[in-house]
């Protein structure tokens, strides 16, 4: 057991060294166009009205607010979680500044998961402004994540529901 634990600690130390620039370059992806990996270590949430390149694993609600308010509320929810750090603004191809990302590291070994988010302006509806999110959360290392990414997306969207009302019927 001692040898195995030592190996795991070494792996954890090496993965913790992965720089934010490397993670951002290699793992941040637009949730609308990302091709999901063949491994089960990811989750994608999007509203049913929005087309995505990969099939979502869950549905994101439509909120009765504008995109800037939704973005600020979601960022606050994400940053309230443990071991979460934001990436620098993703301006290279994001002309409307609605794509952003976070890294969250596991508690024990510091393995990084990257969470990419796109705010979607769905325009005005019968009840006013409408906006939603596409969220892609994935593990950087390993094949399986034991449901961690799906649980994170669900947890963050539930916390968002407590702050911003959904469009009626959504």
Protein backbone atom coordinates (compact mmCIF):
# COMPACT_ATOMS: atom_id res chain seq x y z
CA UNK A 1 0.00 0.00 0.00
CA UNK A 2 2.84 2.41 0.82
CA UNK A 3 4.39 2.13 -2.63
CA UNK A 4 1.02 2.63 -4.37
CA UNK A 5 0.30 5.69 -2.25
CA UNK A 6 3.73 7.13 -3.08
CA UNK A 7 3.13 6.63 -6.81
CA UNK A 8 -0.28 8.32 -6.57
CA UNK A 9 1.21 11.27 -4.69
CA UNK A 10 3.90 11.66 -7.35
CA UNK A 11 1.28 11.57 -10.10
CA UNK A 12 -0.77 14.13 -8.20
CA UNK A 13 2.21 16.42 -7.80
CA UNK A 14 3.02 16.20 -11.50
CA UNK A 15 -0.56 16.89 -12.58
CA UNK A 16 -0.78 19.83 -10.22
CA UNK A 17 2.14 21.33 -12.12
CA UNK A 18 0.15 21.54 -15.35
CA UNK A 19 0.07 25.25 -16.08
CA UNK A 20 -3.09 27.22 -16.67
CA UNK A 21 -1.81 28.20 -20.11
CA UNK A 22 -1.39 24.54 -21.12
CA UNK A 23 -4.82 23.61 -19.78
CA UNK A 24 -6.44 26.57 -21.48
CA UNK A 25 -4.75 25.88 -24.81
CA UNK A 26 -5.41 22.15 -24.83
CA UNK A 27 -8.71 21.70 -22.98
CA UNK A 28 -10.88 24.82 -23.14
CA UNK A 29 -13.44 24.29 -25.88
CA UNK A 30 -16.56 26.02 -27.07
CA UNK A 31 -19.40 23.87 -25.69
CA UNK A 32 -21.37 24.37 -28.91
CA UNK A 33 -18.69 22.98 -31.21
CA UNK A 34 -16.70 20.58 -29.03
CA UNK A 35 -16.40 16.97 -30.12
CA UNK A 36 -16.89 15.04 -26.91
CA UNK A 37 -14.22 12.46 -26.10
CA UNK A 38 -14.97 8.74 -26.34
CA UNK A 39 -14.27 8.35 -22.61
CA UNK A 40 -17.09 8.87 -20.08
CA UNK A 41 -15.25 11.62 -18.16
CA UNK A 42 -17.26 14.60 -19.34
CA UNK A 43 -20.69 16.27 -19.21
CA UNK A 44 -22.36 18.67 -21.65
CA UNK A 45 -25.40 20.74 -20.83
CA UNK A 46 -27.26 22.91 -23.33
CA UNK A 47 -30.82 24.11 -23.92
CA UNK A 48 -32.78 21.97 -26.38
CA UNK A 49 -33.28 24.96 -28.70
CA UNK A 50 -29.55 25.24 -29.39
CA UNK A 51 -27.64 22.97 -31.74
CA UNK A 52 -24.41 21.44 -30.46
CA UNK A 53 -21.81 19.29 -32.24
CA UNK A 54 -22.01 16.64 -29.50
CA UNK A 55 -25.21 15.37 -27.91
CA UNK A 56 -25.80 17.01 -24.53
CA UNK A 57 -25.95 14.76 -21.49
CA UNK A 58 -28.36 17.12 -19.74
CA UNK A 59 -30.58 20.12 -20.54
CA UNK A 60 -29.82 23.66 -19.41
CA UNK A 61 -32.84 25.77 -18.45
CA UNK A 62 -33.71 29.07 -20.08
CA UNK A 63 -33.51 31.94 -17.62
CA UNK A 64 -35.61 35.09 -17.46
CA UNK A 65 -32.66 37.48 -17.64
CA UNK A 66 -30.17 38.97 -20.05
CA UNK A 67 -26.85 37.37 -20.96
CA UNK A 68 -24.65 39.71 -18.90
CA UNK A 69 -26.62 39.11 -15.70
CA UNK A 70 -26.61 35.35 -16.31
CA UNK A 71 -22.87 35.37 -16.96
CA UNK A 72 -22.14 37.28 -13.74
CA UNK A 73 -24.39 34.99 -11.68
CA UNK A 74 -22.86 31.82 -13.12
CA UNK A 75 -19.33 33.06 -12.55
CA UNK A 76 -20.21 33.80 -8.92
CA UNK A 77 -21.66 30.30 -8.49
CA UNK A 78 -18.56 28.68 -9.98
CA UNK A 79 -16.16 30.74 -7.90
CA UNK A 80 -18.07 29.90 -4.70
CA UNK A 81 -17.17 26.22 -5.19
CA UNK A 82 -13.95 24.85 -3.73
CA UNK A 83 -10.63 24.81 -5.61
CA UNK A 84 -11.96 26.73 -8.65
CA UNK A 85 -9.90 29.27 -10.54
CA UNK A 86 -10.94 31.19 -13.64
CA UNK A 87 -8.95 31.28 -16.83
CA UNK A 88 -7.94 34.61 -18.34
CA UNK A 89 -10.56 36.04 -20.72
CA UNK A 90 -10.85 34.01 -23.89
CA UNK A 91 -10.78 36.83 -26.43
CA UNK A 92 -9.00 35.25 -29.39
CA UNK A 93 -12.13 33.97 -31.17
CA UNK A 94 -14.86 35.15 -28.82
CA UNK A 95 -16.04 38.38 -30.39
CA UNK A 96 -19.00 38.82 -28.02
CA UNK A 97 -16.98 37.85 -24.89
CA UNK A 98 -19.47 35.18 -23.86
CA UNK A 99 -17.07 32.21 -23.70
CA UNK A 100 -15.23 31.69 -20.43
CA UNK A 101 -13.71 28.81 -18.49
CA UNK A 102 -12.59 27.54 -15.11
CA UNK A 103 -10.34 24.82 -13.75
CA UNK A 104 -11.36 22.90 -10.67
CA UNK A 105 -8.84 20.59 -9.03
CA UNK A 106 -9.65 17.46 -7.06
CA UNK A 107 -9.24 17.69 -3.30
CA UNK A 108 -6.81 14.85 -2.76
CA UNK A 109 -4.38 14.86 -5.69
CA UNK A 110 -5.14 18.11 -7.48
CA UNK A 111 -6.25 16.54 -10.77
CA UNK A 112 -7.66 19.31 -13.00
CA UNK A 113 -11.08 19.37 -14.61
CA UNK A 114 -11.76 22.12 -17.16
CA UNK A 115 -15.21 23.68 -17.38
CA UNK A 116 -15.96 25.71 -20.52
CA UNK A 117 -19.08 27.88 -20.61
CA UNK A 118 -20.84 29.85 -23.35
CA UNK A 119 -23.59 32.31 -22.48
CA UNK A 120 -26.42 32.25 -25.02
CA UNK A 121 -28.52 35.34 -25.69
CA UNK A 122 -31.92 33.92 -26.69
CA UNK A 123 -33.48 37.34 -27.25
CA UNK A 124 -36.74 38.68 -25.94
CA UNK A 125 -39.66 36.37 -25.35
CA UNK A 126 -43.20 36.90 -24.14
CA UNK A 127 -41.92 37.58 -20.62
CA UNK A 128 -38.85 39.66 -21.48
CA UNK A 129 -35.19 38.84 -21.91
CA UNK A 130 -34.09 35.21 -22.14
CA UNK A 131 -30.65 33.68 -21.83
CA UNK A 132 -29.13 30.27 -21.22
CA UNK A 133 -25.79 28.50 -21.01
CA UNK A 134 -23.93 25.72 -22.73
CA UNK A 135 -21.54 24.07 -20.25
CA UNK A 136 -18.86 21.49 -21.09
CA UNK A 137 -17.04 19.98 -18.12
CA UNK A 138 -14.30 17.38 -18.59
CA UNK A 139 -11.50 15.64 -16.76
CA UNK A 140 -8.03 16.29 -18.09
CA UNK A 141 -6.61 12.98 -16.84
CA UNK A 142 -8.10 9.51 -16.61
CA UNK A 143 -10.76 7.57 -18.42
CA UNK A 144 -13.62 7.67 -15.92
CA UNK A 145 -14.53 10.48 -13.56
CA UNK A 146 -17.05 8.54 -11.42
CA UNK A 147 -19.74 11.10 -12.34
CA UNK A 148 -17.85 14.11 -10.97
CA UNK A 149 -18.31 16.32 -14.05
CA UNK A 150 -22.03 15.61 -14.33
CA UNK A 151 -22.50 16.25 -10.62
CA UNK A 152 -20.61 19.56 -10.89
CA UNK A 153 -22.74 20.78 -13.80
CA UNK A 154 -25.92 19.78 -11.95
CA UNK A 155 -24.72 21.42 -8.72
CA UNK A 156 -23.76 24.69 -10.41
CA UNK A 157 -27.01 24.88 -12.39
CA UNK A 158 -29.03 24.17 -9.22
CA UNK A 159 -27.21 26.99 -7.43
CA UNK A 160 -27.95 29.27 -10.38
CA UNK A 161 -31.65 28.33 -10.18
CA UNK A 162 -31.69 29.67 -6.64
CA UNK A 163 -30.56 33.09 -7.92
CA UNK A 164 -32.21 33.61 -11.30
CA UNK A 165 -35.76 32.65 -12.26
CA UNK A 166 -36.37 30.33 -15.17
CA UNK A 167 -38.63 31.21 -18.06
CA UNK A 168 -42.07 29.79 -17.26
CA UNK A 169 -42.38 26.17 -18.29
CA UNK A 170 -38.59 25.70 -18.59
